[in-house]
Protein backbone atom coordinates (compact mmCIF):
# COMPACT_ATOMS: atom_id res chain seq x y z
CA UNK A 1 -127.52 118.78 125.39
CA UNK A 2 -127.31 122.04 127.53
CA UNK A 3 -128.07 121.47 131.32
CA UNK A 4 -129.75 124.46 132.99
CA UNK A 5 -130.23 124.71 136.78
CA UNK A 6 -132.83 127.24 137.49
CA UNK A 7 -132.41 128.46 141.00
CA UNK A 8 -135.09 130.12 143.63
CA UNK A 9 -134.65 129.66 147.41
CA UNK A 10 -137.65 132.02 147.95
CA UNK A 11 -140.37 130.54 149.97
CA UNK A 12 -142.83 133.18 148.67
CA UNK A 13 -144.64 132.98 145.40
CA UNK A 14 -145.42 136.23 143.53
CA UNK A 15 -145.40 137.69 140.01
CA UNK A 16 -141.74 137.26 139.01
CA UNK A 17 -142.35 133.37 140.20
CA UNK A 18 -145.15 133.10 137.88
CA UNK A 19 -143.14 134.83 135.03
CA UNK A 20 -140.20 132.37 135.94
CA UNK A 21 -142.41 129.39 135.82
CA UNK A 22 -143.55 130.58 132.09
CA UNK A 23 -140.09 130.89 131.20
CA UNK A 24 -138.65 127.65 132.45
CA UNK A 25 -141.55 125.73 131.03
CA UNK A 26 -140.62 127.19 127.80
CA UNK A 27 -136.97 126.28 128.07
CA UNK A 28 -137.93 122.58 129.28
CA UNK A 29 -139.99 122.27 126.08
CA UNK A 30 -136.64 122.48 124.06
CA UNK A 31 -135.37 118.95 123.35
CA UNK A 32 -131.89 120.36 123.27
CA UNK A 33 -132.19 121.56 126.89
CA UNK A 34 -132.26 119.60 130.16
CA UNK A 35 -133.76 121.79 132.84
CA UNK A 36 -133.74 121.15 136.53
CA UNK A 37 -135.23 123.47 139.12
CA UNK A 38 -133.75 123.96 142.60
CA UNK A 39 -136.74 125.39 144.62
CA UNK A 40 -137.52 126.13 148.16
CA UNK A 41 -139.56 123.30 149.35
CA UNK A 42 -141.75 125.40 151.39
CA UNK A 43 -142.79 127.13 148.17
CA UNK A 44 -145.55 124.68 147.21
CA UNK A 45 -146.97 126.85 144.56
CA UNK A 46 -143.66 127.16 142.74
CA UNK A 47 -143.30 123.32 142.67
CA UNK A 48 -147.04 122.99 141.48
CA UNK A 49 -146.17 125.40 138.60
CA UNK A 50 -143.34 123.23 137.32
CA UNK A 51 -145.21 119.98 136.90
CA UNK A 52 -143.29 117.87 134.82
CA UNK A 53 -139.80 119.49 135.54
CA UNK A 54 -137.49 117.82 137.73
CA UNK A 55 -137.33 119.89 140.98
CA UNK A 56 -134.59 119.45 143.97
CA UNK A 57 -133.98 121.04 147.22
CA UNK A 58 -131.73 124.19 147.44
CA UNK A 59 -129.52 122.16 149.94
CA UNK A 60 -128.47 119.99 147.04
CA UNK A 61 -124.72 120.37 146.25
CA UNK A 62 -124.50 122.28 142.84
CA UNK A 63 -121.72 119.83 141.69
CA UNK A 64 -124.04 116.95 141.85
CA UNK A 65 -126.19 118.60 139.30
CA UNK A 66 -123.32 119.79 137.11
CA UNK A 67 -125.14 122.43 135.20
CA UNK A 68 -123.90 124.09 132.15
CA UNK A 69 -125.51 127.34 133.25
CA UNK A 70 -127.28 128.53 136.49
CA UNK A 71 -130.48 130.66 136.00
CA UNK A 72 -131.39 132.43 139.29
CA UNK A 73 -134.74 133.87 139.72
CA UNK A 74 -134.18 137.08 141.88
CA UNK A 75 -137.11 139.37 142.89
CA UNK A 76 -134.42 141.87 143.96
CA UNK A 77 -130.58 141.60 143.87
CA UNK A 78 -130.31 140.16 147.36
CA UNK A 79 -132.94 137.26 146.65
CA UNK A 80 -131.36 133.89 145.62
CA UNK A 81 -128.01 135.13 146.15
CA UNK A 82 -126.82 131.82 147.34
CA UNK A 83 -127.38 130.44 143.84
CA UNK A 84 -125.32 133.19 142.30
CA UNK A 85 -122.48 132.63 144.69
CA UNK A 86 -122.67 128.69 144.29
CA UNK A 87 -122.44 129.30 140.53
CA UNK A 88 -119.55 131.66 140.98
CA UNK A 89 -117.58 129.23 143.18
CA UNK A 90 -118.26 126.40 140.69
CA UNK A 91 -117.25 128.42 137.73
CA UNK A 92 -120.50 128.02 136.08
CA UNK A 93 -122.06 130.73 133.92
CA UNK A 94 -124.86 132.54 136.02
CA UNK A 95 -127.74 134.51 134.36
CA UNK A 96 -129.94 136.43 136.80
CA UNK A 97 -133.57 136.89 135.98
CA UNK A 98 -134.01 140.17 137.97
CA UNK A 99 -137.74 141.28 138.18
CA UNK A 100 -137.06 144.15 140.29
CA UNK A 101 -133.89 146.05 139.81
CA UNK A 102 -134.89 149.08 141.64
CA UNK A 103 -132.96 150.16 144.78
CA UNK A 104 -134.57 149.45 148.14
CA UNK A 105 -134.49 153.14 148.91
CA UNK A 106 -136.77 153.91 145.84
CA UNK A 107 -139.05 151.17 146.91
CA UNK A 108 -139.41 152.58 150.49
CA UNK A 109 -137.99 149.47 152.17
CA UNK A 110 -136.71 149.80 155.75
CA UNK A 111 -133.21 150.80 155.95
CA UNK A 112 -133.38 150.79 152.30
CA UNK A 113 -130.36 153.38 151.90
CA UNK A 114 -128.07 151.18 154.01
CA UNK A 115 -129.25 147.83 152.46
CA UNK A 116 -128.60 149.29 148.86
CA UNK A 117 -125.10 150.23 150.04
CA UNK A 118 -124.45 146.79 151.47
CA UNK A 119 -125.81 144.92 148.47
CA UNK A 120 -124.07 146.95 145.97
CA UNK A 121 -121.35 144.45 145.39
CA UNK A 122 -123.95 142.05 144.36
CA UNK A 123 -124.81 143.87 141.20
CA UNK A 124 -121.94 142.56 139.06
CA UNK A 125 -121.82 139.14 140.38
CA UNK A 126 -123.95 137.19 137.72
CA UNK A 127 -122.31 136.95 134.27
CA UNK A 128 -125.54 138.29 132.55
CA UNK A 129 -129.16 139.66 133.25
CA UNK A 130 -132.64 139.05 131.88
CA UNK A 131 -135.21 141.83 132.66
CA UNK A 132 -138.62 142.33 131.27
CA UNK A 133 -138.24 146.01 129.88
CA UNK A 134 -136.09 148.57 128.52
CA UNK A 135 -136.66 150.50 131.57
CA UNK A 136 -135.61 147.89 133.82
CA UNK A 137 -132.39 147.72 131.81
CA UNK A 138 -131.90 151.21 132.06
CA UNK A 139 -132.11 150.94 135.89
CA UNK A 140 -129.62 148.12 136.00
CA UNK A 141 -127.31 150.31 133.95
CA UNK A 142 -127.75 153.34 136.19
CA UNK A 143 -126.94 151.09 139.09
CA UNK A 144 -123.56 150.35 137.61
CA UNK A 145 -124.06 147.01 136.09
CA UNK A 146 -121.62 146.43 133.35
CA UNK A 147 -122.81 142.88 132.39
CA UNK A 148 -124.83 141.97 129.28
CA UNK A 149 -128.56 142.72 129.84
CA UNK A 150 -131.14 140.94 127.72
CA UNK A 151 -134.83 142.38 127.72
CA UNK A 152 -137.27 139.41 127.47
CA UNK A 153 -140.98 140.48 127.95
CA UNK A 154 -142.82 138.75 130.73
CA UNK A 155 -144.36 135.47 129.72
CA UNK A 156 -147.82 136.09 131.54
CA UNK A 157 -150.64 135.72 129.20
CA UNK A 158 -152.51 139.08 129.11
CA UNK A 159 -156.25 138.90 130.30
CA UNK A 160 -158.43 141.02 128.06
CA UNK A 161 -160.05 143.82 129.89
CA UNK A 162 -163.61 145.24 128.97
CA UNK A 163 -163.89 148.65 128.03
CA UNK A 164 -165.80 150.99 130.51
CA UNK A 165 -169.34 151.70 129.52
CA UNK A 166 -170.16 155.23 128.25
């Protein structure tokens, strides 16, 4: 059995957390995998979205969990970086599910250019990446990522839209 620790210390709940919940639920349904989720306790919606999956507090020592792989849920490269660092310190393989690989400058963030420069060293910290599209994979490559990048389409069920009336 492979033990996977999914990690998200973000107190917020948005689109990438919804997709991550679907992905983690799919992993947990595999009898050859044991999945534990380290979630920010302030993120009640995240914990509710993981019903039936063991969740633990981010202050828990990674060595007490002893995962074979750490899956960090990252909205952008600076989110959940503590999980990436802990995995590297423990010598545990780390996969980043990176929803938004765009630069902060491109997204119009305050001091985006400076923050991008400061965060540049984080880009090749995970051992591999999961992104939701080929264009997101290309963005990571353009930013200098030289780790394997796998495209996995998001798991949010599509809601049928009605066609406009003529």
